[in-house]
Amino acid sequence: MAVYGIGAMYNGTEDQLEIFVQMGLACIGWSPEEAPALHAQMRGVKAGDIFFIKSFAPNAGLHIKAVGVVTDPQFRKINEKLGWAVDVRWRVLPERIVVGALDDKSDFSRRGSLFEEFSPTVIQHVLNALVPVSE
């Protein structure tokens, strides 16, 4: 099982979070020619992998907005606006999780559209959001 962070903000101002959730998708808006590495990474996603929709700014750190599990890893083009995607069953969080700044030298990755997350701290936040601990 891998854990991936993905951005849902297109062109810096068009938030696609609701569309991702409603359609059950995790999308890359860039074409294969524009972002071959992102497309290669998405083709490696497997059923059962976990995604989280994130926002990241150097001064605010990492925020987690939704978490989900890949239900169909077939990476395919959806349409011109959304681009290419895999199917994800999303759980929207009632409040975003503010992880904040992490001193792990991986912030450069978290600024991108898609990345595999390796921080045990972040993964624990994602898993707790996906499967809340009952008291």
Foldseek 3Di string as FASTA:
>chain_A
DFEKEAEQDPPNHRGCVVVCQVVQKGFDLDACVRCVPVVVVLLPDDFQYKYFHWAADQQQGIKTFKMWTFHASPWQADDNGGGITTGTNIDGDPDIDRPGDDPPPCSVVVNDRMDTDDDPSVVVVRVCRVPPDDD
